[in-house]
Amino acid sequence: MELNLYIDSLKELINKVINNYEMQITKVAIGRANPNLISKIKINYYDTLTPIEELASISVIGALQLVVKPYDIASIKLMEKAILDYKLNVSIANEGHQLRIIYPQLTTDKRKELVKQLSVITEQAKVGIRQARQEINKQIKNDEDLSEDLQKHYLEIIQKEIDKSIEKIQNIDQEKQNDLMTI
């Protein structure tokens, strides 16, 4: 098989891991209002699971508040319940026509705890990337059409892609840690 096909398969696996990682870290609150924390929460809207971002406008009001204005007022209770079920450690005020989401001020201890939580999520993402590498390496080693030298060359190129991906995850992690520790 061609090297490009192996690299495309690897990149597809890596993109899934990185997208999942980015989704997971949006759940880690950074001490200020972040629309990403609630935008992807899905509610059962007329028997269809629909993200809140498609059913309402979400705006940041001050450093610690979000306002969610549903396009259909009838869905406001569903949104409130879905956000509460998501356990984001926020207060929700239902004002009838909109939801006001209030984030608590983070203490230094809570920030350190969130950094630890972030580290666990980051490590899981790195493991996912390594598993993608193992899967592709296994395919390369089982490819009988490749000579030993060509296999070794392919494996080196795959490792370079893995290194780039892990570095990308570490950069995202560092940026998020900086956000968490900034008061």
N, C-alpha and C. Protein backbone atom coordinates (compact mmCIF):
# COMPACT_ATOMS: atom_id res chain seq x y z
N MET A 1 0.85 -1.18 0.00
CA MET A 1 0.00 0.00 0.00
C MET A 1 0.89 1.24 0.00
N GLU A 2 0.37 2.31 -0.54
CA GLU A 2 1.11 3.56 -0.63
C GLU A 2 1.25 4.24 0.74
N LEU A 3 2.32 4.97 0.92
CA LEU A 3 2.57 5.71 2.15
C LEU A 3 1.44 6.71 2.40
N ASN A 4 0.99 7.38 1.34
CA ASN A 4 -0.05 8.39 1.47
C ASN A 4 -1.33 7.82 2.08
N LEU A 5 -1.65 6.59 1.72
CA LEU A 5 -2.85 5.96 2.27
C LEU A 5 -2.70 5.71 3.77
N TYR A 6 -1.51 5.28 4.18
CA TYR A 6 -1.26 5.08 5.61
C TYR A 6 -1.35 6.42 6.36
N ILE A 7 -0.75 7.45 5.78
CA ILE A 7 -0.75 8.76 6.42
C ILE A 7 -2.17 9.32 6.50
N ASP A 8 -2.96 9.15 5.44
CA ASP A 8 -4.34 9.61 5.46
C ASP A 8 -5.14 8.90 6.55
N SER A 9 -4.95 7.59 6.67
CA SER A 9 -5.64 6.83 7.72
C SER A 9 -5.22 7.33 9.09
N LEU A 10 -3.93 7.56 9.26
CA LEU A 10 -3.41 8.05 10.54
C LEU A 10 -4.00 9.42 10.86
N LYS A 11 -3.99 10.32 9.88
CA LYS A 11 -4.49 11.67 10.13
C LYS A 11 -5.98 11.64 10.48
N GLU A 12 -6.72 10.75 9.86
CA GLU A 12 -8.14 10.62 10.17
C GLU A 12 -8.33 10.20 11.63
N LEU A 13 -7.54 9.20 12.06
CA LEU A 13 -7.61 8.73 13.45
C LEU A 13 -7.18 9.84 14.42
N ILE A 14 -6.10 10.55 14.06
CA ILE A 14 -5.59 11.62 14.92
C ILE A 14 -6.61 12.76 15.03
N ASN A 15 -7.23 13.12 13.91
CA ASN A 15 -8.21 14.21 13.94
C ASN A 15 -9.38 13.87 14.87
N LYS A 16 -9.80 12.60 14.85
CA LYS A 16 -10.88 12.19 15.76
C LYS A 16 -10.44 12.37 17.21
N VAL A 17 -9.21 11.97 17.51
CA VAL A 17 -8.69 12.09 18.88
C VAL A 17 -8.60 13.57 19.29
N ILE A 18 -8.05 14.40 18.41
CA ILE A 18 -7.88 15.82 18.75
C ILE A 18 -9.23 16.53 18.88
N ASN A 19 -10.17 16.22 17.98
CA ASN A 19 -11.50 16.84 18.09
C ASN A 19 -12.18 16.44 19.39
N ASN A 20 -12.05 15.16 19.75
CA ASN A 20 -12.62 14.69 21.01
C ASN A 20 -11.95 15.40 22.19
N TYR A 21 -10.63 15.53 22.12
CA TYR A 21 -9.87 16.21 23.17
C TYR A 21 -10.34 17.65 23.34
N GLU A 22 -10.47 18.36 22.22
CA GLU A 22 -10.91 19.76 22.28
C GLU A 22 -12.32 19.87 22.87
N MET A 23 -13.17 18.90 22.54
CA MET A 23 -14.52 18.88 23.10
C MET A 23 -14.47 18.63 24.60
N GLN A 24 -13.61 17.71 25.03
CA GLN A 24 -13.49 17.38 26.45
C GLN A 24 -12.98 18.57 27.26
N ILE A 25 -12.00 19.29 26.73
CA ILE A 25 -11.43 20.39 27.53
C ILE A 25 -12.34 21.60 27.58
N THR A 26 -13.31 21.70 26.66
CA THR A 26 -14.25 22.83 26.78
C THR A 26 -15.09 22.67 28.04
N LYS A 27 -15.20 21.44 28.54
CA LYS A 27 -15.98 21.21 29.76
C LYS A 27 -15.24 21.65 31.01
N VAL A 28 -13.94 21.90 30.89
CA VAL A 28 -13.15 22.35 32.03
C VAL A 28 -13.31 23.88 32.10
N ALA A 29 -14.04 24.33 33.10
CA ALA A 29 -14.31 25.76 33.25
C ALA A 29 -13.01 26.52 33.51
N ILE A 30 -12.91 27.72 32.94
CA ILE A 30 -11.68 28.49 33.12
C ILE A 30 -11.87 29.74 33.97
N GLY A 31 -12.96 29.80 34.70
CA GLY A 31 -13.16 30.93 35.60
C GLY A 31 -13.79 32.14 34.95
N ARG A 32 -14.21 31.99 33.72
CA ARG A 32 -14.97 33.06 33.07
C ARG A 32 -15.96 32.42 32.11
N ALA A 33 -16.97 33.17 31.76
CA ALA A 33 -18.04 32.65 30.92
C ALA A 33 -17.49 32.22 29.56
N ASN A 34 -17.88 31.04 29.15
CA ASN A 34 -17.41 30.49 27.88
C ASN A 34 -18.60 29.83 27.18
N PRO A 35 -19.07 30.40 26.07
CA PRO A 35 -20.22 29.83 25.38
C PRO A 35 -19.99 28.38 24.92
N ASN A 36 -18.74 27.99 24.70
CA ASN A 36 -18.45 26.63 24.26
C ASN A 36 -18.85 25.59 25.30
N LEU A 37 -18.92 26.00 26.56
CA LEU A 37 -19.29 25.05 27.61
C LEU A 37 -20.71 24.55 27.45
N ILE A 38 -21.58 25.35 26.88
CA ILE A 38 -22.97 24.91 26.76
C ILE A 38 -23.45 24.77 25.32
N SER A 39 -22.72 25.30 24.36
CA SER A 39 -23.21 25.34 22.98
C SER A 39 -23.48 23.96 22.38
N LYS A 40 -22.71 22.97 22.77
CA LYS A 40 -22.86 21.62 22.18
C LYS A 40 -23.80 20.72 22.98
N ILE A 41 -24.31 21.19 24.12
CA ILE A 41 -25.25 20.39 24.90
C ILE A 41 -26.49 20.18 24.05
N LYS A 42 -26.92 18.92 23.97
CA LYS A 42 -28.07 18.60 23.12
C LYS A 42 -29.33 18.43 23.95
N ILE A 43 -30.43 18.94 23.38
CA ILE A 43 -31.72 18.75 24.02
C ILE A 43 -32.65 18.03 23.05
N ASN A 44 -33.65 17.37 23.60
CA ASN A 44 -34.62 16.66 22.78
C ASN A 44 -35.67 17.67 22.33
N TYR A 45 -35.48 18.19 21.14
CA TYR A 45 -36.37 19.21 20.59
C TYR A 45 -37.20 18.59 19.49
N TYR A 46 -38.47 18.35 19.78
CA TYR A 46 -39.38 17.67 18.85
C TYR A 46 -38.78 16.35 18.35
N ASP A 47 -38.38 15.52 19.29
CA ASP A 47 -37.84 14.18 19.03
C ASP A 47 -36.55 14.16 18.22
N THR A 48 -35.82 15.26 18.24
CA THR A 48 -34.52 15.32 17.58
C THR A 48 -33.52 15.91 18.56
N LEU A 49 -32.38 15.21 18.75
CA LEU A 49 -31.34 15.75 19.62
C LEU A 49 -30.66 16.90 18.89
N THR A 50 -30.81 18.10 19.43
CA THR A 50 -30.31 19.30 18.77
C THR A 50 -29.44 20.09 19.74
N PRO A 51 -28.25 20.55 19.29
CA PRO A 51 -27.40 21.36 20.16
C PRO A 51 -28.06 22.70 20.49
N ILE A 52 -27.82 23.20 21.68
CA ILE A 52 -28.40 24.47 22.12
C ILE A 52 -28.03 25.60 21.17
N GLU A 53 -26.80 25.57 20.63
CA GLU A 53 -26.36 26.66 19.75
C GLU A 53 -27.24 26.81 18.51
N GLU A 54 -27.97 25.74 18.13
CA GLU A 54 -28.87 25.83 16.97
C GLU A 54 -30.26 26.32 17.37
N LEU A 55 -30.54 26.33 18.66
CA LEU A 55 -31.88 26.69 19.13
C LEU A 55 -31.93 28.02 19.86
N ALA A 56 -30.76 28.62 20.08
CA ALA A 56 -30.74 29.86 20.86
C ALA A 56 -29.49 30.67 20.53
N SER A 57 -29.57 31.95 20.85
CA SER A 57 -28.36 32.76 20.75
C SER A 57 -27.72 32.75 22.13
N ILE A 58 -26.40 32.62 22.15
CA ILE A 58 -25.65 32.57 23.41
C ILE A 58 -24.70 33.76 23.41
N SER A 59 -24.84 34.62 24.42
CA SER A 59 -23.95 35.78 24.48
C SER A 59 -23.31 35.89 25.85
N VAL A 60 -22.10 36.44 25.85
CA VAL A 60 -21.34 36.63 27.09
C VAL A 60 -21.68 38.01 27.64
N ILE A 61 -22.09 38.02 28.90
CA ILE A 61 -22.40 39.28 29.58
C ILE A 61 -21.47 39.37 30.79
N GLY A 62 -20.45 40.18 30.70
CA GLY A 62 -19.48 40.27 31.79
C GLY A 62 -18.58 39.04 31.79
N ALA A 63 -17.72 38.97 32.77
CA ALA A 63 -16.73 37.89 32.82
C ALA A 63 -17.33 36.57 33.27
N LEU A 64 -18.41 36.62 34.05
CA LEU A 64 -18.92 35.39 34.66
C LEU A 64 -20.36 35.07 34.31
N GLN A 65 -20.90 35.67 33.24
CA GLN A 65 -22.30 35.40 32.89
C GLN A 65 -22.49 35.15 31.41
N LEU A 66 -23.40 34.21 31.13
CA LEU A 66 -23.87 33.97 29.77
C LEU A 66 -25.37 34.20 29.76
N VAL A 67 -25.87 34.66 28.63
CA VAL A 67 -27.32 34.77 28.45
C VAL A 67 -27.68 33.92 27.24
N VAL A 68 -28.64 33.01 27.46
CA VAL A 68 -29.12 32.13 26.41
C VAL A 68 -30.54 32.57 26.07
N LYS A 69 -30.74 33.03 24.83
CA LYS A 69 -32.06 33.48 24.39
C LYS A 69 -32.58 32.49 23.35
N PRO A 70 -33.52 31.63 23.75
CA PRO A 70 -34.04 30.64 22.80
C PRO A 70 -34.89 31.31 21.72
N TYR A 71 -34.80 30.75 20.52
CA TYR A 71 -35.62 31.27 19.42
C TYR A 71 -37.07 30.85 19.62
N ASP A 72 -37.28 29.72 20.29
CA ASP A 72 -38.60 29.21 20.61
C ASP A 72 -38.70 29.17 22.13
N ILE A 73 -39.49 30.06 22.71
CA ILE A 73 -39.59 30.18 24.17
C ILE A 73 -40.04 28.86 24.80
N ALA A 74 -40.79 28.06 24.07
CA ALA A 74 -41.28 26.78 24.62
C ALA A 74 -40.13 25.84 24.97
N SER A 75 -38.96 26.04 24.39
CA SER A 75 -37.83 25.14 24.64
C SER A 75 -36.98 25.56 25.84
N ILE A 76 -37.33 26.66 26.50
CA ILE A 76 -36.49 27.19 27.57
C ILE A 76 -36.34 26.21 28.74
N LYS A 77 -37.43 25.54 29.11
CA LYS A 77 -37.35 24.56 30.22
C LYS A 77 -36.46 23.39 29.86
N LEU A 78 -36.54 22.94 28.60
CA LEU A 78 -35.69 21.84 28.14
C LEU A 78 -34.22 22.23 28.21
N MET A 79 -33.91 23.46 27.81
CA MET A 79 -32.53 23.94 27.85
C MET A 79 -32.03 24.03 29.29
N GLU A 80 -32.88 24.56 30.17
CA GLU A 80 -32.49 24.70 31.57
C GLU A 80 -32.19 23.32 32.17
N LYS A 81 -33.06 22.35 31.91
CA LYS A 81 -32.86 21.00 32.44
C LYS A 81 -31.58 20.37 31.87
N ALA A 82 -31.35 20.53 30.57
CA ALA A 82 -30.16 19.94 29.93
C ALA A 82 -28.87 20.53 30.51
N ILE A 83 -28.87 21.83 30.74
CA ILE A 83 -27.67 22.48 31.30
C ILE A 83 -27.44 22.02 32.73
N LEU A 84 -28.51 21.92 33.50
CA LEU A 84 -28.38 21.42 34.88
C LEU A 84 -27.89 19.98 34.90
N ASP A 85 -28.41 19.15 34.00
CA ASP A 85 -28.01 17.74 33.93
C ASP A 85 -26.54 17.58 33.55
N TYR A 86 -26.00 18.57 32.86
CA TYR A 86 -24.61 18.50 32.41
C TYR A 86 -23.62 18.72 33.55
N LYS A 87 -24.12 19.18 34.71
CA LYS A 87 -23.30 19.36 35.93
C LYS A 87 -22.07 20.24 35.69
N LEU A 88 -22.31 21.46 35.27
CA LEU A 88 -21.21 22.41 35.00
C LEU A 88 -20.86 23.27 36.21
N ASN A 89 -21.55 23.07 37.32
CA ASN A 89 -21.29 23.86 38.52
C ASN A 89 -21.55 25.34 38.26
N VAL A 90 -22.72 25.62 37.66
CA VAL A 90 -23.14 26.99 37.38
C VAL A 90 -24.52 27.21 37.99
N SER A 91 -24.86 28.49 38.21
CA SER A 91 -26.22 28.84 38.65
C SER A 91 -27.00 29.26 37.42
N ILE A 92 -28.27 28.87 37.38
CA ILE A 92 -29.10 29.22 36.23
C ILE A 92 -30.32 30.00 36.74
N ALA A 93 -30.54 31.16 36.15
CA ALA A 93 -31.72 31.95 36.47
C ALA A 93 -32.61 31.97 35.23
N ASN A 94 -33.81 31.39 35.35
CA ASN A 94 -34.76 31.38 34.25
C ASN A 94 -35.58 32.66 34.36
N GLU A 95 -35.38 33.55 33.39
CA GLU A 95 -36.06 34.85 33.41
C GLU A 95 -37.30 34.85 32.52
N GLY A 96 -37.79 33.67 32.17
CA GLY A 96 -39.00 33.56 31.36
C GLY A 96 -38.71 33.56 29.87
N HIS A 97 -38.00 34.55 29.40
CA HIS A 97 -37.69 34.66 27.97
C HIS A 97 -36.22 34.32 27.67
N GLN A 98 -35.42 34.17 28.71
CA GLN A 98 -34.01 33.84 28.54
C GLN A 98 -33.47 33.17 29.79
N LEU A 99 -32.32 32.50 29.64
CA LEU A 99 -31.64 31.90 30.78
C LEU A 99 -30.38 32.71 31.05
N ARG A 100 -30.15 33.03 32.31
CA ARG A 100 -28.92 33.70 32.70
C ARG A 100 -28.09 32.66 33.44
N ILE A 101 -26.90 32.38 32.91
CA ILE A 101 -26.02 31.37 33.50
C ILE A 101 -24.88 32.11 34.18
N ILE A 102 -24.73 31.84 35.48
CA ILE A 102 -23.74 32.56 36.28
C ILE A 102 -22.67 31.57 36.74
N TYR A 103 -21.44 31.88 36.40
CA TYR A 103 -20.30 31.04 36.78
C TYR A 103 -19.75 31.52 38.11
N PRO A 104 -19.38 30.60 39.00
CA PRO A 104 -18.78 31.01 40.27
C PRO A 104 -17.33 31.47 40.05
N GLN A 105 -16.88 32.38 40.92
CA GLN A 105 -15.47 32.80 40.87
C GLN A 105 -14.61 31.62 41.34
N LEU A 106 -13.55 31.31 40.62
CA LEU A 106 -12.70 30.17 40.97
C LEU A 106 -11.66 30.56 42.03
N THR A 107 -11.51 29.68 43.01
CA THR A 107 -10.45 29.88 44.01
C THR A 107 -9.16 29.27 43.45
N THR A 108 -8.05 29.58 44.08
CA THR A 108 -6.76 29.04 43.64
C THR A 108 -6.76 27.51 43.74
N ASP A 109 -7.33 26.98 44.82
CA ASP A 109 -7.39 25.52 44.98
C ASP A 109 -8.22 24.88 43.87
N LYS A 110 -9.34 25.52 43.53
CA LYS A 110 -10.20 24.98 42.47
C LYS A 110 -9.46 25.04 41.13
N ARG A 111 -8.71 26.10 40.89
CA ARG A 111 -7.94 26.21 39.65
C ARG A 111 -6.91 25.08 39.55
N LYS A 112 -6.23 24.78 40.67
CA LYS A 112 -5.24 23.71 40.67
C LYS A 112 -5.91 22.36 40.43
N GLU A 113 -7.09 22.19 41.00
CA GLU A 113 -7.85 20.95 40.79
C GLU A 113 -8.24 20.80 39.32
N LEU A 114 -8.63 21.91 38.69
CA LEU A 114 -9.00 21.89 37.27
C LEU A 114 -7.78 21.59 36.39
N VAL A 115 -6.61 22.08 36.78
CA VAL A 115 -5.39 21.79 36.02
C VAL A 115 -5.10 20.28 36.08
N LYS A 116 -5.31 19.68 37.26
CA LYS A 116 -5.12 18.22 37.38
C LYS A 116 -6.11 17.48 36.49
N GLN A 117 -7.35 17.94 36.49
CA GLN A 117 -8.39 17.33 35.64
C GLN A 117 -8.00 17.46 34.17
N LEU A 118 -7.48 18.61 33.80
CA LEU A 118 -7.02 18.85 32.43
C LEU A 118 -5.87 17.90 32.07
N SER A 119 -4.97 17.68 33.02
CA SER A 119 -3.83 16.78 32.77
C SER A 119 -4.30 15.36 32.47
N VAL A 120 -5.33 14.92 33.17
CA VAL A 120 -5.87 13.57 32.93
C VAL A 120 -6.46 13.49 31.52
N ILE A 121 -7.22 14.50 31.12
CA ILE A 121 -7.82 14.52 29.78
C ILE A 121 -6.72 14.57 28.71
N THR A 122 -5.68 15.36 28.96
CA THR A 122 -4.56 15.47 28.01
C THR A 122 -3.86 14.13 27.86
N GLU A 123 -3.63 13.45 28.96
CA GLU A 123 -2.96 12.14 28.90
C GLU A 123 -3.79 11.13 28.13
N GLN A 124 -5.11 11.18 28.31
CA GLN A 124 -6.00 10.28 27.56
C GLN A 124 -5.89 10.54 26.06
N ALA A 125 -5.78 11.81 25.68
CA ALA A 125 -5.65 12.15 24.27
C ALA A 125 -4.33 11.63 23.71
N LYS A 126 -3.26 11.76 24.49
CA LYS A 126 -1.95 11.25 24.04
C LYS A 126 -2.01 9.74 23.86
N VAL A 127 -2.68 9.05 24.77
CA VAL A 127 -2.83 7.60 24.66
C VAL A 127 -3.60 7.26 23.38
N GLY A 128 -4.64 8.04 23.08
CA GLY A 128 -5.42 7.83 21.86
C GLY A 128 -4.56 7.97 20.62
N ILE A 129 -3.66 8.95 20.63
CA ILE A 129 -2.76 9.15 19.48
C ILE A 129 -1.78 7.99 19.37
N ARG A 130 -1.28 7.53 20.49
CA ARG A 130 -0.35 6.39 20.45
C ARG A 130 -1.06 5.12 19.96
N GLN A 131 -2.32 4.97 20.32
CA GLN A 131 -3.09 3.82 19.84
C GLN A 131 -3.28 3.89 18.32
N ALA A 132 -3.49 5.10 17.81
CA ALA A 132 -3.60 5.29 16.37
C ALA A 132 -2.29 4.88 15.69
N ARG A 133 -1.17 5.27 16.31
CA ARG A 133 0.14 4.89 15.78
C ARG A 133 0.29 3.37 15.75
N GLN A 134 -0.08 2.72 16.84
CA GLN A 134 0.04 1.26 16.89
C GLN A 134 -0.79 0.59 15.80
N GLU A 135 -1.98 1.12 15.59
CA GLU A 135 -2.86 0.54 14.57
C GLU A 135 -2.24 0.65 13.18
N ILE A 136 -1.73 1.83 12.84
CA ILE A 136 -1.12 2.05 11.53
C ILE A 136 0.19 1.25 11.41
N ASN A 137 1.01 1.24 12.48
CA ASN A 137 2.26 0.46 12.45
C ASN A 137 1.98 -1.01 12.21
N LYS A 138 0.93 -1.52 12.82
CA LYS A 138 0.57 -2.93 12.64
C LYS A 138 0.22 -3.20 11.17
N GLN A 139 -0.52 -2.26 10.56
CA GLN A 139 -0.88 -2.41 9.15
C GLN A 139 0.37 -2.40 8.27
N ILE A 140 1.29 -1.51 8.58
CA ILE A 140 2.53 -1.42 7.79
C ILE A 140 3.34 -2.71 7.93
N LYS A 141 3.47 -3.20 9.15
CA LYS A 141 4.27 -4.41 9.38
C LYS A 141 3.63 -5.65 8.75
N ASN A 142 2.31 -5.64 8.61
CA ASN A 142 1.62 -6.78 8.01
C ASN A 142 1.54 -6.68 6.49
N ASP A 143 1.96 -5.56 5.93
CA ASP A 143 1.94 -5.37 4.48
C ASP A 143 3.13 -6.12 3.87
N GLU A 144 2.85 -7.24 3.23
CA GLU A 144 3.92 -8.10 2.70
C GLU A 144 4.55 -7.54 1.42
N ASP A 145 3.90 -6.55 0.81
CA ASP A 145 4.44 -5.95 -0.41
C ASP A 145 5.59 -4.99 -0.13
N LEU A 146 5.76 -4.61 1.13
CA LEU A 146 6.81 -3.65 1.49
C LEU A 146 8.09 -4.36 1.90
N SER A 147 9.20 -3.83 1.43
CA SER A 147 10.49 -4.37 1.86
C SER A 147 10.75 -3.90 3.29
N GLU A 148 11.73 -4.50 3.94
CA GLU A 148 12.05 -4.15 5.32
C GLU A 148 12.49 -2.69 5.42
N ASP A 149 13.30 -2.24 4.45
CA ASP A 149 13.76 -0.85 4.46
C ASP A 149 12.60 0.12 4.26
N LEU A 150 11.69 -0.23 3.37
CA LEU A 150 10.54 0.63 3.11
C LEU A 150 9.63 0.69 4.34
N GLN A 151 9.46 -0.45 5.00
CA GLN A 151 8.66 -0.47 6.24
C GLN A 151 9.27 0.46 7.27
N LYS A 152 10.58 0.37 7.43
CA LYS A 152 11.28 1.20 8.41
C LYS A 152 11.10 2.68 8.06
N HIS A 153 11.21 3.02 6.79
CA HIS A 153 11.03 4.39 6.32
C HIS A 153 9.60 4.88 6.63
N TYR A 154 8.61 4.06 6.32
CA TYR A 154 7.21 4.41 6.59
C TYR A 154 7.00 4.63 8.09
N LEU A 155 7.57 3.75 8.90
CA LEU A 155 7.39 3.85 10.36
C LEU A 155 8.01 5.15 10.90
N GLU A 156 9.13 5.56 10.32
CA GLU A 156 9.76 6.82 10.74
C GLU A 156 8.88 8.01 10.39
N ILE A 157 8.29 7.99 9.21
CA ILE A 157 7.42 9.09 8.79
C ILE A 157 6.17 9.13 9.67
N ILE A 158 5.62 7.97 9.98
CA ILE A 158 4.45 7.89 10.86
C ILE A 158 4.80 8.47 12.23
N GLN A 159 5.99 8.14 12.73
CA GLN A 159 6.41 8.64 14.05
C GLN A 159 6.51 10.16 14.04
N LYS A 160 6.97 10.74 12.93
CA LYS A 160 7.06 12.20 12.84
C LYS A 160 5.66 12.83 12.93
N GLU A 161 4.69 12.20 12.28
CA GLU A 161 3.30 12.69 12.35
C GLU A 161 2.78 12.61 13.78
N ILE A 162 3.11 11.52 14.45
CA ILE A 162 2.67 11.32 15.84
C ILE A 162 3.29 12.40 16.73
N ASP A 163 4.59 12.66 16.54
CA ASP A 163 5.27 13.68 17.33
C ASP A 163 4.61 15.05 17.15
N LYS A 164 4.25 15.39 15.90
CA LYS A 164 3.59 16.66 15.62
C LYS A 164 2.25 16.74 16.33
N SER A 165 1.52 15.65 16.31
CA SER A 165 0.19 15.62 16.93
C SER A 165 0.27 15.75 18.44
N ILE A 166 1.22 15.06 19.04
CA ILE A 166 1.38 15.14 20.50
C ILE A 166 1.81 16.56 20.89
N GLU A 167 2.67 17.16 20.07
CA GLU A 167 3.09 18.54 20.34
C GLU A 167 1.88 19.49 20.25
N LYS A 168 1.00 19.25 19.29
CA LYS A 168 -0.21 20.07 19.15
C LYS A 168 -1.07 19.96 20.41
N ILE A 169 -1.24 18.74 20.91
CA ILE A 169 -2.02 18.52 22.13
C ILE A 169 -1.36 19.21 23.32
N GLN A 170 -0.04 19.12 23.40
CA GLN A 170 0.66 19.78 24.51
C GLN A 170 0.50 21.30 24.44
N ASN A 171 0.51 21.86 23.24
CA ASN A 171 0.32 23.30 23.09
C ASN A 171 -1.08 23.72 23.52
N ILE A 172 -2.09 22.94 23.13
CA ILE A 172 -3.46 23.22 23.54
C ILE A 172 -3.57 23.14 25.06
N ASP A 173 -2.94 22.11 25.63
CA ASP A 173 -2.95 21.91 27.08
C ASP A 173 -2.30 23.10 27.79
N GLN A 174 -1.16 23.54 27.31
CA GLN A 174 -0.45 24.65 27.94
C GLN A 174 -1.28 25.93 27.89
N GLU A 175 -1.91 26.17 26.75
CA GLU A 175 -2.75 27.35 26.59
C GLU A 175 -3.92 27.31 27.58
N LYS A 176 -4.55 26.15 27.70
CA LYS A 176 -5.68 26.00 28.61
C LYS A 176 -5.22 26.15 30.07
N GLN A 177 -4.05 25.59 30.40
CA GLN A 177 -3.52 25.75 31.76
C GLN A 177 -3.27 27.22 32.08
N ASN A 178 -2.71 27.94 31.12
CA ASN A 178 -2.48 29.38 31.32
C ASN A 178 -3.79 30.11 31.58
N ASP A 179 -4.84 29.75 30.79
CA ASP A 179 -6.16 30.35 31.00
C ASP A 179 -6.69 30.04 32.40
N LEU A 180 -6.50 28.80 32.82
CA LEU A 180 -7.00 28.38 34.13
C LEU A 180 -6.31 29.11 35.27
N MET A 181 -5.03 29.32 35.15
CA MET A 181 -4.27 29.90 36.26
C MET A 181 -4.26 31.43 36.24
N THR A 182 -4.78 32.05 35.18
CA THR A 182 -4.89 33.50 35.10
C THR A 182 -6.12 33.95 35.85
N ILE A 183 -5.92 34.83 36.78
CA ILE A 183 -7.04 35.29 37.62
C ILE A 183 -7.63 36.55 37.02
